[in-house]
Amino acid sequence: MGHFCASSFVVSFYVPKENQANVPPAKGLHVQKWNTKYAAVRQFGGFISGDDELGEEAAALHASLAGSKWSSAVDKSRLSSESAYTVAGYNSPFEFENRVNEIWMMFEMEE
């Protein structure tokens, strides 16, 4: 595994505002509220085949930020975060065409 691969995974779901009032309790689940976040995002298609592919996508995203005003903010956030990147998949496993995935690197911008 490369330096972009993590040893643990978290699965999250966005819950629209109108459905957030009375979150039903469920064993092993918890609500996670985010303040304003920034993300550098790279979109890619197909089925996610494994850690190697995700590491390559993360490395490509990181490389695409080189020399930008966001590069140092992403690097600083990666040092203080427990996850190097987030993966978002938007399709059902039963959809075989036009799949959309994203790799995110979350960061904070200093004013």
C-alpha atoms as a PDB file:
ATOM      1  CA  MET A   1       0.000   0.000   0.000  1.00  0.00           C
ATOM      2  CA  GLY A   2       1.146   3.507  -0.771  1.00  0.00           C
ATOM      3  CA  HIS A   3       1.150   6.470   1.579  1.00  0.00           C
ATOM      4  CA  PHE A   4      -2.358   7.446   0.420  1.00  0.00           C
ATOM      5  CA  CYS A   5      -3.956   4.165   1.584  1.00  0.00           C
ATOM      6  CA  ALA A   6      -5.709   3.981   4.929  1.00  0.00           C
ATOM      7  CA  SER A   7      -6.019   1.034   7.256  1.00  0.00           C
ATOM      8  CA  SER A   8      -9.661   1.632   8.192  1.00  0.00           C
ATOM      9  CA  PHE A   9     -12.774   2.723   6.379  1.00  0.00           C
ATOM     10  CA  VAL A  10     -15.899   4.652   7.326  1.00  0.00           C
ATOM     11  CA  VAL A  11     -19.097   4.578   5.286  1.00  0.00           C
ATOM     12  CA  SER A  12     -21.153   7.782   5.460  1.00  0.00           C
ATOM     13  CA  PHE A  13     -24.431   8.923   3.988  1.00  0.00           C
ATOM     14  CA  TYR A  14     -25.641  12.464   3.472  1.00  0.00           C
ATOM     15  CA  VAL A  15     -29.022  13.054   5.111  1.00  0.00           C
ATOM     16  CA  PRO A  16     -31.002  15.988   3.650  1.00  0.00           C
ATOM     17  CA  LYS A  17     -31.949  18.759   6.088  1.00  0.00           C
ATOM     18  CA  GLU A  18     -35.664  17.856   6.048  1.00  0.00           C
ATOM     19  CA  ASN A  19     -34.811  14.319   7.283  1.00  0.00           C
ATOM     20  CA  GLN A  20     -32.420  15.365  10.059  1.00  0.00           C
ATOM     21  CA  ALA A  21     -34.886  16.345  12.812  1.00  0.00           C
ATOM     22  CA  ASN A  22     -35.401  12.917  14.410  1.00  0.00           C
ATOM     23  CA  VAL A  23     -32.557  10.655  13.465  1.00  0.00           C
ATOM     24  CA  PRO A  24     -33.553   7.070  14.360  1.00  0.00           C
ATOM     25  CA  PRO A  25     -31.121   5.294  16.673  1.00  0.00           C
ATOM     26  CA  ALA A  26     -29.310   2.302  15.248  1.00  0.00           C
ATOM     27  CA  LYS A  27     -26.684   0.082  16.803  1.00  0.00           C
ATOM     28  CA  GLY A  28     -23.188   1.087  15.717  1.00  0.00           C
ATOM     29  CA  LEU A  29     -24.300   4.247  13.893  1.00  0.00           C
ATOM     30  CA  HIS A  30     -23.793   7.840  14.883  1.00  0.00           C
ATOM     31  CA  VAL A  31     -24.545  11.263  13.479  1.00  0.00           C
ATOM     32  CA  GLN A  32     -21.586  13.277  12.252  1.00  0.00           C
ATOM     33  CA  LYS A  33     -22.132  17.006  11.713  1.00  0.00           C
ATOM     34  CA  TRP A  34     -19.669  18.962   9.626  1.00  0.00           C
ATOM     35  CA  ASN A  35     -18.973  22.661   9.734  1.00  0.00           C
ATOM     36  CA  THR A  36     -17.891  24.397   6.543  1.00  0.00           C
ATOM     37  CA  LYS A  37     -15.413  22.160   4.719  1.00  0.00           C
ATOM     38  CA  TYR A  38     -13.317  22.577   1.604  1.00  0.00           C
ATOM     39  CA  ALA A  39     -12.390  19.693  -0.657  1.00  0.00           C
ATOM     40  CA  ALA A  40     -10.119  19.185  -3.634  1.00  0.00           C
ATOM     41  CA  VAL A  41     -11.993  16.671  -5.798  1.00  0.00           C
ATOM     42  CA  ARG A  42     -11.070  14.360  -8.673  1.00  0.00           C
ATOM     43  CA  GLN A  43     -13.817  12.506 -10.526  1.00  0.00           C
ATOM     44  CA  PHE A  44     -13.306   9.074 -12.076  1.00  0.00           C
ATOM     45  CA  GLY A  45     -15.544   6.395 -13.561  1.00  0.00           C
ATOM     46  CA  GLY A  46     -15.987   2.647 -13.487  1.00  0.00           C
ATOM     47  CA  PHE A  47     -16.069   0.231 -10.584  1.00  0.00           C
ATOM     48  CA  ILE A  48     -13.596   0.855  -7.775  1.00  0.00           C
ATOM     49  CA  SER A  49     -11.398  -2.206  -7.960  1.00  0.00           C
ATOM     50  CA  GLY A  50      -9.233  -1.789  -4.877  1.00  0.00           C
ATOM     51  CA  ASP A  51      -6.736   0.118  -2.783  1.00  0.00           C
ATOM     52  CA  ASP A  52      -4.154   0.344  -5.578  1.00  0.00           C
ATOM     53  CA  GLU A  53      -6.589   2.185  -7.867  1.00  0.00           C
ATOM     54  CA  LEU A  54      -7.640   4.527  -5.069  1.00  0.00           C
ATOM     55  CA  GLY A  55      -4.007   5.246  -4.246  1.00  0.00           C
ATOM     56  CA  GLU A  56      -3.373   6.111  -7.904  1.00  0.00           C
ATOM     57  CA  GLU A  57      -6.416   8.413  -8.009  1.00  0.00           C
ATOM     58  CA  ALA A  58      -5.339  10.097  -4.752  1.00  0.00           C
ATOM     59  CA  ALA A  59      -1.793  10.554  -6.081  1.00  0.00           C
ATOM     60  CA  ALA A  60      -3.152  12.032  -9.335  1.00  0.00           C
ATOM     61  CA  LEU A  61      -5.344  14.472  -7.386  1.00  0.00           C
ATOM     62  CA  HIS A  62      -2.430  15.463  -5.163  1.00  0.00           C
ATOM     63  CA  ALA A  63      -0.180  15.963  -8.210  1.00  0.00           C
ATOM     64  CA  SER A  64      -2.819  18.104  -9.926  1.00  0.00           C
ATOM     65  CA  LEU A  65      -2.751  20.490  -6.962  1.00  0.00           C
ATOM     66  CA  ALA A  66       1.021  21.094  -7.172  1.00  0.00           C
ATOM     67  CA  GLY A  67       1.782  24.785  -7.460  1.00  0.00           C
ATOM     68  CA  SER A  68      -1.791  25.849  -6.698  1.00  0.00           C
ATOM     69  CA  LYS A  69      -2.929  28.018  -3.799  1.00  0.00           C
ATOM     70  CA  TRP A  70      -4.616  24.914  -2.318  1.00  0.00           C
ATOM     71  CA  SER A  71      -1.575  22.621  -2.321  1.00  0.00           C
ATOM     72  CA  SER A  72      -0.103  23.672   1.037  1.00  0.00           C
ATOM     73  CA  ALA A  73      -3.559  23.750   2.697  1.00  0.00           C
ATOM     74  CA  VAL A  74      -4.220  20.167   1.566  1.00  0.00           C
ATOM     75  CA  ASP A  75      -0.776  19.016   2.758  1.00  0.00           C
ATOM     76  CA  LYS A  76      -1.236  20.716   6.146  1.00  0.00           C
ATOM     77  CA  SER A  77      -4.686  19.159   6.616  1.00  0.00           C
ATOM     78  CA  ARG A  78      -3.404  15.698   5.665  1.00  0.00           C
ATOM     79  CA  LEU A  79      -0.791  15.903   8.429  1.00  0.00           C
ATOM     80  CA  SER A  80      -3.399  16.719  11.077  1.00  0.00           C
ATOM     81  CA  SER A  81      -6.131  14.356   9.858  1.00  0.00           C
ATOM     82  CA  GLU A  82      -6.612  10.645  10.430  1.00  0.00           C
ATOM     83  CA  SER A  83      -7.638  10.096   6.792  1.00  0.00           C
ATOM     84  CA  ALA A  84      -5.619  11.083   3.744  1.00  0.00           C
ATOM     85  CA  TYR A  85      -8.650  11.093   1.464  1.00  0.00           C
ATOM     86  CA  THR A  86     -12.348  10.346   1.173  1.00  0.00           C
ATOM     87  CA  VAL A  87     -13.929   8.248  -1.581  1.00  0.00           C
ATOM     88  CA  ALA A  88     -17.453   9.013  -2.788  1.00  0.00           C
ATOM     89  CA  GLY A  89     -19.342   6.528  -4.950  1.00  0.00           C
ATOM     90  CA  TYR A  90     -22.671   7.622  -6.378  1.00  0.00           C
ATOM     91  CA  ASN A  91     -24.058   4.573  -8.190  1.00  0.00           C
ATOM     92  CA  SER A  92     -25.849   1.429  -7.159  1.00  0.00           C
ATOM     93  CA  PRO A  93     -23.670  -1.684  -7.504  1.00  0.00           C
ATOM     94  CA  PHE A  94     -26.210  -2.841 -10.100  1.00  0.00           C
ATOM     95  CA  GLU A  95     -25.475   0.098 -12.426  1.00  0.00           C
ATOM     96  CA  PHE A  96     -22.806  -0.962 -14.887  1.00  0.00           C
ATOM     97  CA  GLU A  97     -22.518   2.104 -17.142  1.00  0.00           C
ATOM     98  CA  ASN A  98     -21.808   5.791 -16.568  1.00  0.00           C
ATOM     99  CA  ARG A  99     -20.548   5.234 -13.032  1.00  0.00           C
ATOM    100  CA  VAL A 100     -19.397   8.308 -11.114  1.00  0.00           C
ATOM    101  CA  ASN A 101     -16.871   8.222  -8.272  1.00  0.00           C
ATOM    102  CA  GLU A 102     -14.857  10.948  -6.610  1.00  0.00           C
ATOM    103  CA  ILE A 103     -11.776  11.135  -4.454  1.00  0.00           C
ATOM    104  CA  TRP A 104     -11.714  14.056  -2.006  1.00  0.00           C
ATOM    105  CA  MET A 105      -8.903  15.636  -0.026  1.00  0.00           C
ATOM    106  CA  MET A 106     -10.469  17.746   2.703  1.00  0.00           C
ATOM    107  CA  PHE A 107      -8.713  20.904   3.889  1.00  0.00           C
ATOM    108  CA  GLU A 108      -9.136  24.172   5.738  1.00  0.00           C
ATOM    109  CA  MET A 109      -8.304  27.541   4.227  1.00  0.00           C
ATOM    110  CA  GLU A 110      -6.719  30.178   6.386  1.00  0.00           C
ATOM    111  CA  GLU A 111      -7.987  33.695   5.727  1.00  0.00           C
END
